[in-house]
Each structure stands twice: as structure tokens, then as C-alpha cells.
């Protein structure tokens, strides 16, 4: 399993078309988005310990902010202790965090990031550009570093002065700041690997204790980002959504994070539990290999896309907690092309396309999936049933998670995948669809897509750039190896006292500094 892959499941990485082409100031945009407080009439106030459940396995815990985070509990803990340079926002998709502002050169290749005033590590040491440079180079030098910071070589990460970090891209990149939203956790320069687990961070909470995926974090009263309301956050690891939901219903925890649709249906009948939904939280596409094999013909891929009943997929695989997809990733992006007509089921056309392509309908094709997340394996089974009506026989193969990520992902002919972010068209283009992308899941090589992407990234004018992003999505819709039938809502269950849980998807949902507990 690739180290970046698991982190990406929970870390959003999108970018607005306009906000990043000018220097961004302030730090408020991303810090204050949250679920409504509820009808108590109370004003937010400090105090209390939030007990939050998160999924994971004790056998897979990790403490390295730049390493594999196979557990959601690990990612939550790390994200509260260590800050990234930027975070998801609401008014703009990318908001300042440890970097207070950024500004590009005229050619959009060189970006200067200015660090936030007053930023210190938990031991009181000021954060410097040298710390950031060291951290980013450490991140870049991980096995998946090229995918984490695409287009940026280690030598392109430098410090101009004590508060200015310079990132140089191999190509013009108007959306380069989006890269700093993803796992760019900052540690002190020259921290030894054997000391990483206890290394001080810069985030809103400090580590009190950690045991086998469970942890207690206490408020950082000196956090540069503003006042943190909770006294402490206790993270408790659960190995199944049901066990976590049961703990919430029993009052043992205050929040069940990413509890899933089954738990949500149960909780909706409870007046003492709120269901917090995060739209566009997870993309769940089916991947068809385009480089070779039975799905290399674009007509075959279109046929399968036409054979799917998307409404039924959302209603059955996601229990209605989601929305229909249109085979374009990045549905939460303001630049998403909503005017491209929704692809709907057309079995007659699907059969005709298969016949025109000479597709062998006498064979049975394996669709490989895992049970990593709720609804994934169910979506594969439902897909197999639906496309059989178009004459395509599918055998669903469920693989152990480790086997899947080691042997099937990036290599398979037909398989399910999922991404815990869906708020940026550019993110998916750069990560998964360019011919040289480090995580090109379908083996897609489309010169017109690559060319349009480079033009868009090299265009500073927002209007012109939006036109190019629209063209990019038209190509993706027509030719890519992704069958995006729907997006799953993120679902948190919260006890009656919990206020202002974040509602942003991906990495945005771990921003708990403004969450508080009613008395």
C-alpha cells in the first residue's frame, strides 16, 4: 500500500481558481467554518474535553507525520498536533494556516510563502523557514514524495529568509498552493527519525499521552491561529463503525467520526444525537484500465458508463447519503463543469457501442474491490448486476486491503477506488490523470488532456483559466477511465453537547480548534 494513497483518503487538496493567483492574507477563512451550533442560544465558550472516536487498527498505528497513516485515528491525532502550510477553506478552497500568505512570480513557476506571525512549536521555539524547508524536503524524499509534491524537486525548496519559503515548480503552476494543503506537516529542523513520535508540533493541540492509537491532546494556549476553545481532545480508536457508533449511543464518546450510512440511519431516530453530513466528502469511482486490455477502447468505457443506474447506486450502495456523479472528479470545486449534460442510463446505446467495439460479451471480467469503507464492495456488486443488462458479465472479487493496494491499485484492469476528497478538478488531473501522474490509476495517456492541463496551469487570467478547466473536464467526461457514479457524504454522529463540528470534506473536517461543548 502506497504511503501517499492512505493519507489522500482523508486529506482534501483543492484549489480555487482566483484566490491563489494573488497574495493571500489573514488566517480566518479556513479556521471558522463549522456546523451550526444548534438551537441552544449559547455563545461559544472555552472548556471541556471532547471525546472523539476514529477508525483504525492497533496493529497499523503510526506516529510519523510524513509516513503511512493507515488509521484515521492516526491522521486525526497528527493533524491536530502538526500544522500544514494551508488548509481547506469555505470562501476559497485554499486558506492560510502556517503560511499566512503566498505570491507567485509572473511566470507562475516560483512561489513565495510567508510564515504566520507568532508561529511557534509547542516547546516555545519560533518556527522558521529552515524548519519548513527541512520538513518539505523530508516529505519530498519519502517513497511517494514525487506524488505528494509533483513538479517540485528537492533543490527547488529553499528559504529566502527566516520567514519566507520559496517553492520552484518545473512548470508554470497557478494552483501550486494546493499542494501545501496535503501532508505538509512541519517539524523542527533535523528531528531524528527515532524522535519523530514525540516531536513538538505547531498545531492547536499538544500531545499529552499516546497509547496504541488512542491519545489525549491538550489545548495549545500559545497557538498563533487564535483561541482554541476545548481544554482537550481525547481520540479513541475503534476497529469498526458499528462499535464506534454504539459507543456514541452509550455516551462513552461525544463524536463518532465517519460513522457511515448504517449508523446514521439508526441515529436519526435519536433526539440526543445529531447527524452531521459533509457533501462531496468521498469519491468512489470504478477504474477501467485505458492503456491496454478489454477497456482500452473508449467505446467500451462509454458503454459501461451508460449501463449504470446512478440513482439506484446512490440509493442502495450509499443508503441515499450521497449524490449522483457524472464521471468527472472534483464535484465540490467551484470550477466544476455543471453544464455538461448528466450522463444517464441508456442500455440500447451501451449494447450498440459494445458491438461496434467488438467487445467479447462471452467472457466474464473480474471487478476487484475491498471492504475498506462502507458501501464500496456493495457498489461493486450492484454495478455487476446493472451492467449485466447490457450484456457484460462481471465477477466481483473482494481482496484483503493490503493485497489490493500492493497488487491491484495502479495495475488492475477493472477495480474500485476511493478518494477522501472531491473538491478540486485540478487535484485529480495532476494526481491521477496526466500521462506522467504518479498515481495514474487507469494508465490514461491522452495528449489533449495533458496539453490543456499545462495551458490552464500556466494561465493567470481567471476567466481564461476557467475556460481551459472546462475543456479539461470535457475531455475527462468523454475519454477517461473513471466511471464516477456517485459521491458519498461524510457522516459524523455527535452528542447533544457538541457544537461547531467542521462540515468541510477531506482534511477540513479535522479542524477542531473552534469546536466547543455546551454546558
Protein backbone atom coordinates (compact mmCIF):
# COMPACT_ATOMS: atom_id res chain seq x y z
CA UNK A 1 0.00 0.00 0.00
CA UNK A 2 1.47 3.35 -1.03
CA UNK A 3 2.06 5.77 1.77
CA UNK A 4 0.52 8.68 -0.06
CA UNK A 5 -2.59 6.75 -1.00
CA UNK A 6 -3.85 6.30 2.53
CA UNK A 7 -3.13 9.86 3.50
CA UNK A 8 -5.03 11.11 0.48
CA UNK A 9 -8.12 9.25 1.59
CA UNK A 10 -8.59 11.75 4.38
CA UNK A 11 -6.70 14.78 3.24
CA UNK A 12 -8.50 17.24 0.97
CA UNK A 13 -6.40 19.09 -1.55
CA UNK A 14 -8.34 21.50 -3.73
CA UNK A 15 -7.73 24.98 -5.04
CA UNK A 16 -9.86 27.92 -6.10
CA UNK A 17 -9.19 29.46 -9.47
CA UNK A 18 -8.81 33.02 -8.27
CA UNK A 19 -7.69 33.08 -4.65
CA UNK A 20 -4.30 31.61 -5.29
CA UNK A 21 -3.12 33.87 -8.06
CA UNK A 22 -2.79 36.80 -5.70
CA UNK A 23 -1.13 37.01 -2.33
CA UNK A 24 -3.50 35.56 0.25
CA UNK A 25 -3.69 37.28 3.62
CA UNK A 26 -5.16 36.61 7.01
CA UNK A 27 -5.83 33.25 8.57
CA UNK A 28 -9.54 33.32 9.21
CA UNK A 29 -11.08 31.69 6.18
CA UNK A 30 -10.35 28.10 7.00
CA UNK A 31 -10.44 28.37 10.76
CA UNK A 32 -14.04 29.35 11.27
CA UNK A 33 -16.09 27.08 9.00
CA UNK A 34 -18.15 24.74 11.12
CA UNK A 35 -21.51 23.13 11.57
CA UNK A 36 -24.20 25.35 13.07
CA UNK A 37 -24.13 25.49 16.83
CA UNK A 38 -27.68 24.27 17.24
CA UNK A 39 -30.64 25.92 18.87
CA UNK A 40 -29.23 26.49 22.36
CA UNK A 41 -28.78 30.24 22.04
CA UNK A 42 -25.42 29.89 23.76
CA UNK A 43 -22.31 31.65 22.63
CA UNK A 44 -19.18 29.54 22.07
CA UNK A 45 -17.19 29.23 25.26
CA UNK A 46 -13.96 27.51 26.30
CA UNK A 47 -13.60 24.38 28.39
CA UNK A 48 -14.33 20.70 28.37
CA UNK A 49 -12.84 17.58 26.85
CA UNK A 50 -14.14 16.31 23.53
CA UNK A 51 -14.06 12.52 23.26
CA UNK A 52 -13.95 11.52 19.61
CA UNK A 53 -13.96 8.07 18.07
CA UNK A 54 -11.95 7.34 14.93
CA UNK A 55 -11.48 4.18 12.90
CA UNK A 56 -8.26 2.18 12.79
CA UNK A 57 -6.44 -0.94 13.87
CA UNK A 58 -3.97 -1.16 16.71
CA UNK A 59 -1.69 -3.27 14.53
CA UNK A 60 -1.37 -0.45 11.97
CA UNK A 61 -0.69 2.63 14.11
CA UNK A 62 1.92 5.17 13.05
CA UNK A 63 3.39 8.33 14.53
CA UNK A 64 5.26 9.83 11.57
CA UNK A 65 3.50 12.86 10.03
CA UNK A 66 5.23 12.16 6.71
CA UNK A 67 4.75 8.41 6.75
CA UNK A 68 1.98 5.90 6.26
CA UNK A 69 -1.22 6.71 8.10
CA UNK A 70 -3.32 3.61 7.62
CA UNK A 71 -5.59 4.61 10.51
CA UNK A 72 -7.96 7.52 10.54
CA UNK A 73 -7.20 7.89 14.25
CA UNK A 74 -3.52 8.47 13.44
CA UNK A 75 -4.33 11.09 10.84
CA UNK A 76 -6.67 12.91 13.23
CA UNK A 77 -4.08 12.98 16.00
CA UNK A 78 -1.28 14.12 13.71
CA UNK A 79 -3.46 16.81 12.10
CA UNK A 80 -4.28 18.35 15.48
CA UNK A 81 -0.65 18.40 16.62
CA UNK A 82 1.07 19.49 13.40
CA UNK A 83 0.03 22.26 11.04
CA UNK A 84 0.19 22.24 7.26
CA UNK A 85 1.06 25.39 5.33
CA UNK A 86 -2.52 25.76 4.06
CA UNK A 87 -5.89 24.18 4.76
CA UNK A 88 -9.26 23.83 3.01
CA UNK A 89 -11.42 26.93 3.30
CA UNK A 90 -15.00 27.74 2.52
CA UNK A 91 -14.96 31.08 0.76
CA UNK A 92 -11.80 29.95 -1.04
CA UNK A 93 -10.80 26.32 -1.41
CA UNK A 94 -7.33 27.03 -0.08
CA UNK A 95 -6.91 29.11 3.06
CA UNK A 96 -3.82 30.19 5.03
CA UNK A 97 -2.57 28.23 8.02
CA UNK A 98 1.12 28.11 8.94
CA UNK A 99 1.70 30.11 5.78
CA UNK A 100 -0.09 33.42 6.22
CA UNK A 101 0.19 34.37 2.55
CA UNK A 102 1.74 33.38 -0.76
CA UNK A 103 2.57 35.07 -4.03
CA UNK A 104 3.70 33.76 -7.42
CA UNK A 105 6.26 35.05 -9.87
CA UNK A 106 5.00 36.39 -13.18
CA UNK A 107 5.70 33.06 -14.90
CA UNK A 108 3.81 31.13 -12.15
CA UNK A 109 6.82 28.88 -11.54
CA UNK A 110 8.21 30.40 -8.35
CA UNK A 111 6.02 30.85 -5.28
CA UNK A 112 6.98 32.64 -2.07
CA UNK A 113 5.20 31.63 1.14
CA UNK A 114 5.32 33.96 4.14
CA UNK A 115 5.00 32.27 7.54
CA UNK A 116 2.39 33.36 10.06
CA UNK A 117 3.44 35.86 12.70
CA UNK A 118 3.92 34.37 16.14
CA UNK A 119 4.06 30.75 14.98
CA UNK A 120 5.97 28.63 17.48
CA UNK A 121 6.49 24.98 18.22
CA UNK A 122 4.92 23.54 21.34
CA UNK A 123 8.23 23.93 23.19
CA UNK A 124 8.21 27.69 22.51
CA UNK A 125 10.77 27.67 19.70
CA UNK A 126 9.86 30.03 16.83
CA UNK A 127 9.02 28.38 13.51
CA UNK A 128 11.47 29.41 10.79
CA UNK A 129 11.64 28.93 7.05
CA UNK A 130 14.50 26.49 7.64
CA UNK A 131 12.13 24.24 9.61
CA UNK A 132 9.61 24.31 6.78
CA UNK A 133 12.25 23.64 4.11
CA UNK A 134 13.63 20.71 6.08
CA UNK A 135 10.13 19.29 6.58
CA UNK A 136 9.12 19.64 2.92
CA UNK A 137 12.35 18.05 1.75
CA UNK A 138 11.81 15.19 4.17
CA UNK A 139 8.30 14.80 2.76
CA UNK A 140 9.59 15.00 -0.82
CA UNK A 141 12.15 12.28 -0.13
CA UNK A 142 9.60 9.72 1.06
CA UNK A 143 8.90 6.83 -1.36
CA UNK A 144 5.82 8.65 -2.64
CA UNK A 145 7.30 12.15 -2.41
CA UNK A 146 7.08 12.81 -6.13
CA UNK A 147 3.33 12.30 -6.00
CA UNK A 148 2.99 14.40 -2.87
CA UNK A 149 4.78 17.42 -4.33
CA UNK A 150 4.50 16.94 -8.11
CA UNK A 151 6.68 19.19 -10.21
CA UNK A 152 8.80 20.27 -7.25
CA UNK A 153 12.32 18.90 -6.95
CA UNK A 154 14.11 18.83 -3.57
CA UNK A 155 16.51 21.50 -4.78
CA UNK A 156 13.50 23.69 -5.62
CA UNK A 157 12.62 24.03 -1.91
CA UNK A 158 14.61 26.83 -0.28
CA UNK A 159 14.47 29.54 2.40
CA UNK A 160 14.81 33.13 1.23
CA UNK A 161 14.93 34.49 4.76
CA UNK A 162 13.72 33.48 8.21
CA UNK A 163 10.04 33.86 7.30
CA UNK A 164 9.94 33.17 3.55
CA UNK A 165 9.85 29.73 1.91
CA UNK A 166 10.39 29.51 -1.85
CA UNK A 167 8.99 26.68 -3.94
CA UNK A 168 10.04 26.40 -7.57
CA UNK A 169 7.99 24.27 -9.95
CA UNK A 170 9.29 22.52 -13.07
CA UNK A 171 6.38 24.10 -14.96
CA UNK A 172 4.02 27.04 -14.60
CA UNK A 173 1.53 26.11 -11.89
CA UNK A 174 -1.21 28.57 -10.97
CA UNK A 175 -2.50 26.08 -8.40
CA UNK A 176 0.75 25.24 -6.67
CA UNK A 177 -0.54 26.28 -3.20
CA UNK A 178 -3.00 23.38 -3.31
CA UNK A 179 -0.01 21.08 -2.80
CA UNK A 180 0.61 22.66 0.60
CA UNK A 181 -2.80 21.50 1.85
CA UNK A 182 -1.70 17.89 1.79
CA UNK A 183 0.56 16.36 4.47
CA UNK A 184 2.94 19.35 4.54
CA UNK A 185 3.20 18.94 8.31
CA UNK A 186 6.04 21.00 9.74
CA UNK A 187 8.51 19.63 12.28
CA UNK A 188 11.64 21.13 13.78
CA UNK A 189 14.65 21.02 11.53
CA UNK A 190 16.93 17.99 11.97
CA UNK A 191 14.48 16.00 14.12
CA UNK A 192 15.84 12.45 14.27
CA UNK A 193 13.65 9.64 12.97
CA UNK A 194 13.65 7.92 16.35
CA UNK A 195 12.38 11.14 17.96
CA UNK A 196 9.59 11.89 15.48
CA UNK A 197 6.87 10.30 17.62
CA UNK A 198 7.33 12.82 20.41
CA UNK A 199 8.44 15.80 18.32
CA UNK A 200 6.69 19.09 19.13
CA UNK A 201 4.28 20.43 16.55
CA UNK A 202 2.82 23.84 15.83
CA UNK A 203 -0.88 22.94 15.92
CA UNK A 204 -3.80 23.92 18.15
CA UNK A 205 -3.31 20.92 20.43
CA UNK A 206 -0.31 19.38 22.18
CA UNK A 207 0.22 15.70 22.87
CA UNK A 208 -0.41 14.66 26.47
CA UNK A 209 -0.21 10.88 26.01
CA UNK A 210 -0.50 8.26 23.28
CA UNK A 211 -1.23 4.53 23.60
CA UNK A 212 -1.89 2.14 20.70
CA UNK A 213 -3.80 4.59 18.54
CA UNK A 214 -5.53 6.29 21.47
CA UNK A 215 -4.40 9.70 22.61
CA UNK A 216 -5.12 12.71 24.76
CA UNK A 217 -4.31 16.14 23.36
CA UNK A 218 -4.42 19.36 25.39
CA UNK A 219 -5.04 22.91 24.25
CA UNK A 220 -2.10 24.93 22.95
CA UNK A 221 -2.69 28.29 24.64
CA UNK A 222 0.05 29.88 22.54
CA UNK A 223 -1.31 28.82 19.16
CA UNK A 224 -0.71 31.54 16.57
CA UNK A 225 -4.03 30.80 14.86
CA UNK A 226 -6.23 32.20 17.63
CA UNK A 227 -8.04 31.00 20.72
CA UNK A 228 -8.68 27.25 20.96
CA UNK A 229 -11.91 26.51 22.81
CA UNK A 230 -11.63 22.93 24.05
CA UNK A 231 -9.42 22.09 27.02
CA UNK A 232 -8.57 18.75 25.48
CA UNK A 233 -9.41 16.21 22.81
CA UNK A 234 -9.33 12.50 23.57
CA UNK A 235 -9.08 10.29 20.49
CA UNK A 236 -10.25 6.72 20.86
CA UNK A 237 -9.54 4.08 18.23
CA UNK A 238 -12.33 1.75 17.05
CA UNK A 239 -11.91 -1.13 14.64
CA UNK A 240 -15.44 -0.98 13.23
CA UNK A 241 -18.00 1.76 12.54
CA UNK A 242 -20.64 -0.18 14.45
CA UNK A 243 -18.54 -0.40 17.62
CA UNK A 244 -17.84 3.32 17.37
CA UNK A 245 -21.50 4.19 16.85
CA UNK A 246 -22.51 2.00 19.78
CA UNK A 247 -20.03 3.85 21.99
CA UNK A 248 -21.59 7.16 20.99
CA UNK A 249 -25.12 5.94 21.65
CA UNK A 250 -23.97 4.69 25.04
CA UNK A 251 -22.49 8.09 25.90
CA UNK A 252 -18.91 6.84 26.02
CA UNK A 253 -17.75 9.29 23.32
CA UNK A 254 -19.05 12.63 22.07
CA UNK A 255 -18.37 12.19 18.34
CA UNK A 256 -18.26 9.15 16.05
CA UNK A 257 -16.15 10.31 13.12
CA UNK A 258 -17.02 8.95 9.67
CA UNK A 259 -19.59 6.61 11.14
CA UNK A 260 -21.25 5.72 7.84
CA UNK A 261 -24.79 5.47 6.50
CA UNK A 262 -25.93 2.46 8.55
CA UNK A 263 -25.07 4.20 11.80
CA UNK A 264 -26.66 7.42 10.55
CA UNK A 265 -29.97 5.70 9.86
CA UNK A 266 -30.01 4.38 13.41
CA UNK A 267 -29.02 7.72 14.92
CA UNK A 268 -31.65 9.73 13.06
CA UNK A 269 -34.29 8.33 15.36
CA UNK A 270 -32.44 9.64 18.42
CA UNK A 271 -33.16 13.18 19.59
CA UNK A 272 -29.92 13.24 21.60
CA UNK A 273 -27.72 12.61 18.54
CA UNK A 274 -27.08 14.89 15.57
CA UNK A 275 -26.08 13.61 12.13
CA UNK A 276 -23.54 15.94 10.53
CA UNK A 277 -23.27 15.40 6.77
CA UNK A 278 -20.35 16.59 4.66
CA UNK A 279 -21.31 16.66 0.95
CA UNK A 280 -18.70 15.65 -1.64
CA UNK A 281 -16.63 14.00 1.07
CA UNK A 282 -15.61 10.87 -0.81
CA UNK A 283 -15.40 10.00 -4.48
CA UNK A 284 -15.99 6.31 -5.21
CA UNK A 285 -15.22 5.73 -8.90
CA UNK A 286 -14.74 2.50 -10.80
CA UNK A 287 -11.43 2.44 -12.67
CA UNK A 288 -11.18 0.96 -16.18
CA UNK A 289 -7.66 0.48 -17.50
CA UNK A 290 -7.20 2.50 -20.68
CA UNK A 291 -3.62 1.60 -21.60
CA UNK A 292 -4.39 -1.94 -22.71
CA UNK A 293 -6.83 -4.79 -22.19
CA UNK A 294 -10.58 -5.09 -22.74
CA UNK A 295 -11.37 -1.50 -21.69
CA UNK A 296 -8.75 0.27 -23.79
CA UNK A 297 -11.37 1.13 -26.42
CA UNK A 298 -13.09 4.39 -25.46
CA UNK A 299 -16.38 2.99 -26.82
CA UNK A 300 -16.30 0.19 -24.27
CA UNK A 301 -15.70 2.65 -21.45
CA UNK A 302 -18.59 4.82 -22.61
CA UNK A 303 -20.81 1.75 -22.82
CA UNK A 304 -20.17 0.84 -19.20
CA UNK A 305 -20.81 4.42 -18.15
CA UNK A 306 -24.15 4.30 -19.95
CA UNK A 307 -25.09 0.95 -18.42
CA UNK A 308 -25.08 2.26 -14.84
CA UNK A 309 -28.21 3.36 -12.99
CA UNK A 310 -26.61 6.09 -10.90
CA UNK A 311 -29.65 6.95 -8.83
CA UNK A 312 -30.01 3.33 -7.79
CA UNK A 313 -26.31 3.17 -6.90
CA UNK A 314 -26.62 6.16 -4.56
CA UNK A 315 -29.85 4.93 -3.00
CA UNK A 316 -28.66 1.37 -2.46
CA UNK A 317 -24.87 1.44 -2.06
CA UNK A 318 -24.90 4.69 -0.05
CA UNK A 319 -28.36 4.39 1.50
CA UNK A 320 -29.12 7.76 -0.05
CA UNK A 321 -26.29 9.54 1.81
CA UNK A 322 -24.60 10.87 -1.29
CA UNK A 323 -25.13 12.38 -4.72
CA UNK A 324 -25.05 11.23 -8.33
CA UNK A 325 -21.77 11.60 -10.25
CA UNK A 326 -21.14 12.46 -13.88
CA UNK A 327 -17.76 10.78 -14.49
CA UNK A 328 -15.84 13.97 -13.64
CA UNK A 329 -13.85 14.06 -10.42
CA UNK A 330 -13.84 17.23 -8.33
CA UNK A 331 -17.56 17.80 -7.89
CA UNK A 332 -17.05 20.18 -4.96
CA UNK A 333 -14.86 22.55 -6.96
CA UNK A 334 -16.34 25.98 -7.86
CA UNK A 335 -14.84 25.32 -11.30
CA UNK A 336 -16.75 22.04 -11.71
CA UNK A 337 -18.50 21.96 -15.10
CA UNK A 338 -22.10 21.65 -14.04
CA UNK A 339 -23.31 22.46 -17.55
CA UNK A 340 -22.01 19.22 -19.04
CA UNK A 341 -25.18 17.14 -19.50
CA UNK A 342 -25.68 14.46 -16.89
CA UNK A 343 -24.93 11.02 -18.28
CA UNK A 344 -27.94 8.78 -17.74
CA UNK A 345 -28.65 5.12 -18.29
CA UNK A 346 -29.07 4.06 -21.91
CA UNK A 347 -28.84 0.29 -22.31
CA UNK A 348 -29.59 0.30 -26.04
CA UNK A 349 -26.73 2.68 -26.80
CA UNK A 350 -24.44 0.74 -24.44
CA UNK A 351 -25.11 -2.51 -26.31
CA UNK A 352 -24.52 -0.80 -29.65
CA UNK A 353 -21.19 0.67 -28.52
CA UNK A 354 -20.04 -2.73 -27.26
CA UNK A 355 -20.96 -4.30 -30.58
CA UNK A 356 -19.20 -1.56 -32.55
CA UNK A 357 -16.06 -2.07 -30.46
CA UNK A 358 -16.14 -5.85 -30.90
CA UNK A 359 -16.26 -6.35 -27.14
CA UNK A 360 -16.32 -10.03 -26.18
CA UNK A 361 -19.53 -10.47 -24.21
CA UNK A 362 -18.98 -14.22 -23.88
CA UNK A 363 -16.25 -13.65 -21.29
CA UNK A 364 -16.60 -12.83 -17.61
CA UNK A 365 -14.48 -9.94 -16.33
CA UNK A 366 -13.24 -9.57 -12.76
CA UNK A 367 -14.00 -6.38 -10.85
CA UNK A 368 -11.67 -6.17 -7.86
CA UNK A 369 -12.74 -4.34 -4.71
CA UNK A 370 -12.09 -4.14 -0.97
CA UNK A 371 -14.19 -3.61 2.11
CA UNK A 372 -12.07 -0.69 3.30
CA UNK A 373 -15.03 1.67 3.52
CA UNK A 374 -18.76 1.21 3.85
CA UNK A 375 -20.57 0.86 0.54
CA UNK A 376 -17.53 0.15 -1.61
CA UNK A 377 -17.93 -3.59 -2.03
CA UNK A 378 -21.69 -3.11 -2.23
CA UNK A 379 -21.25 -0.67 -5.10
CA UNK A 380 -19.17 -3.24 -6.99
CA UNK A 381 -21.84 -5.91 -6.59
CA UNK A 382 -24.61 -3.55 -7.69
CA UNK A 383 -22.55 -2.40 -10.68
CA UNK A 384 -22.08 -6.01 -11.76
CA UNK A 385 -25.81 -6.60 -11.61
CA UNK A 386 -26.62 -3.47 -13.60
CA UNK A 387 -24.14 -3.88 -16.46
CA UNK A 388 -25.27 -7.47 -17.00
CA UNK A 389 -28.39 -5.93 -18.53
CA UNK A 390 -26.11 -4.51 -21.22
CA UNK A 391 -24.59 -7.94 -21.83
CA UNK A 392 -21.41 -7.51 -19.74
CA UNK A 393 -20.70 -10.29 -17.25
CA UNK A 394 -18.78 -9.19 -14.15
CA UNK A 395 -17.36 -11.29 -11.33
CA UNK A 396 -16.75 -9.28 -8.15
CA UNK A 397 -13.51 -10.21 -6.38
CA UNK A 398 -13.02 -8.95 -2.83
CA UNK A 399 -9.38 -8.61 -1.82
CA UNK A 400 -7.74 -8.02 1.53
CA UNK A 401 -6.80 -4.36 1.82
CA UNK A 402 -3.04 -4.92 1.81
CA UNK A 403 -3.19 -7.22 -1.20
CA UNK A 404 -5.39 -4.75 -3.05
CA UNK A 405 -3.13 -1.74 -2.56
CA UNK A 406 0.02 -3.74 -3.24
CA UNK A 407 -1.16 -5.76 -6.23
CA UNK A 408 -4.26 -4.23 -7.82
CA UNK A 409 -4.16 -0.47 -7.36
CA UNK A 410 -2.47 1.23 -10.34
CA UNK A 411 -2.14 -2.16 -12.06
CA UNK A 412 -5.62 -3.66 -12.28
CA UNK A 413 -7.84 -3.89 -15.35
CA UNK A 414 -11.12 -3.13 -13.56
CA UNK A 415 -11.30 -2.13 -9.90
CA UNK A 416 -12.93 0.19 -7.40
CA UNK A 417 -11.10 3.07 -5.81
CA UNK A 418 -11.99 5.87 -3.43
CA UNK A 419 -10.68 9.30 -2.52
CA UNK A 420 -11.42 11.16 0.70
CA UNK A 421 -11.53 14.46 -1.10
CA UNK A 422 -13.53 15.67 -4.06
CA UNK A 423 -13.21 19.43 -4.02
CA UNK A 424 -10.74 20.09 -6.83
CA UNK A 425 -10.74 19.26 -10.52
CA UNK A 426 -7.08 20.21 -10.72
CA UNK A 427 -6.13 17.91 -7.85
CA UNK A 428 -7.35 14.82 -9.66
CA UNK A 429 -5.99 15.96 -13.00
CA UNK A 430 -2.49 16.38 -11.59
CA UNK A 431 -2.53 13.33 -9.33
CA UNK A 432 -4.36 10.70 -11.35
CA UNK A 433 -4.94 11.65 -14.99
CA UNK A 434 -1.85 13.25 -16.51
CA UNK A 435 0.09 10.70 -18.52
CA UNK A 436 3.04 11.02 -16.13
CA UNK A 437 1.00 11.33 -12.93
CA UNK A 438 2.41 9.35 -10.04
CA UNK A 439 -1.00 7.82 -9.31
CA UNK A 440 -2.38 7.36 -12.81
CA UNK A 441 -4.93 4.77 -11.76
CA UNK A 442 -6.22 3.89 -15.22
CA UNK A 443 -2.96 4.17 -17.16
CA UNK A 444 -4.50 7.02 -19.18
CA UNK A 445 -2.38 8.76 -21.79
CA UNK A 446 -4.32 11.49 -23.55
CA UNK A 447 -2.12 14.21 -25.13
CA UNK A 448 -5.01 16.68 -25.44
CA UNK A 449 -5.68 16.38 -21.71
CA UNK A 450 -2.02 16.90 -20.80
CA UNK A 451 -1.77 19.93 -23.09
CA UNK A 452 -4.95 21.53 -21.76
CA UNK A 453 -3.83 20.98 -18.17
CA UNK A 454 -0.46 22.66 -18.79
CA UNK A 455 -2.16 25.59 -20.50
CA UNK A 456 -4.59 26.00 -17.61
CA UNK A 457 -1.82 25.89 -15.04
CA UNK A 458 0.14 28.49 -16.98
CA UNK A 459 -2.79 30.90 -17.30
CA UNK A 460 -3.04 33.66 -14.71
CA UNK A 461 -6.26 35.21 -16.04
CA UNK A 462 -9.10 33.63 -14.07
CA UNK A 463 -11.68 33.81 -16.87
CA UNK A 464 -9.39 32.23 -19.45
CA UNK A 465 -8.27 29.65 -16.96
CA UNK A 466 -11.86 28.66 -16.19
CA UNK A 467 -12.44 28.09 -19.90
CA UNK A 468 -9.44 25.78 -20.04
CA UNK A 469 -10.58 23.91 -16.93
CA UNK A 470 -13.94 23.41 -18.61
CA UNK A 471 -12.21 21.95 -21.67
CA UNK A 472 -10.22 19.69 -19.36
CA UNK A 473 -13.42 18.31 -17.87
CA UNK A 474 -14.99 17.81 -21.29
CA UNK A 475 -12.06 15.59 -22.26
CA UNK A 476 -12.28 13.72 -18.97
CA UNK A 477 -16.01 13.18 -19.42
CA UNK A 478 -15.58 11.84 -22.95
CA UNK A 479 -12.48 9.68 -22.65
CA UNK A 480 -11.14 8.96 -19.17
CA UNK A 481 -11.02 5.61 -17.43
CA UNK A 482 -13.12 6.81 -14.49
CA UNK A 483 -16.74 5.81 -14.03
CA UNK A 484 -17.78 8.12 -11.21
CA UNK A 485 -21.31 7.01 -10.43
CA UNK A 486 -21.59 8.95 -7.18
CA UNK A 487 -20.03 10.70 -4.21
CA UNK A 488 -20.56 9.63 -0.63
CA UNK A 489 -21.41 12.12 2.09
CA UNK A 490 -19.12 12.15 5.07
CA UNK A 491 -21.15 11.38 8.17
CA UNK A 492 -20.26 12.26 11.75
CA UNK A 493 -22.51 11.46 14.68
CA UNK A 494 -22.40 13.99 17.50
CA UNK A 495 -23.79 14.04 21.01
CA UNK A 496 -26.17 16.78 22.06
CA UNK A 497 -23.49 18.92 23.72
CA UNK A 498 -21.17 19.13 20.71
CA UNK A 499 -21.15 22.42 18.84
CA UNK A 500 -19.48 23.65 15.64
CA UNK A 501 -18.10 20.46 14.22
CA UNK A 502 -16.42 21.22 10.87
CA UNK A 503 -18.53 20.49 7.81
CA UNK A 504 -15.84 20.74 5.18
CA UNK A 505 -14.79 17.49 3.49
CA UNK A 506 -11.38 15.86 3.47
CA UNK A 507 -8.72 17.48 5.62
CA UNK A 508 -11.16 20.26 6.51
CA UNK A 509 -13.05 18.03 8.89
CA UNK A 510 -10.15 17.66 11.32
CA UNK A 511 -10.10 21.38 12.12
CA UNK A 512 -11.46 21.11 15.65
CA UNK A 513 -9.99 24.29 17.14
CA UNK A 514 -13.38 26.07 17.04
CA UNK A 515 -15.44 23.11 18.21
CA UNK A 516 -16.90 23.50 21.71
CA UNK A 517 -19.14 21.78 24.23
CA UNK A 518 -22.40 23.28 25.53
CA UNK A 519 -22.93 23.20 29.27
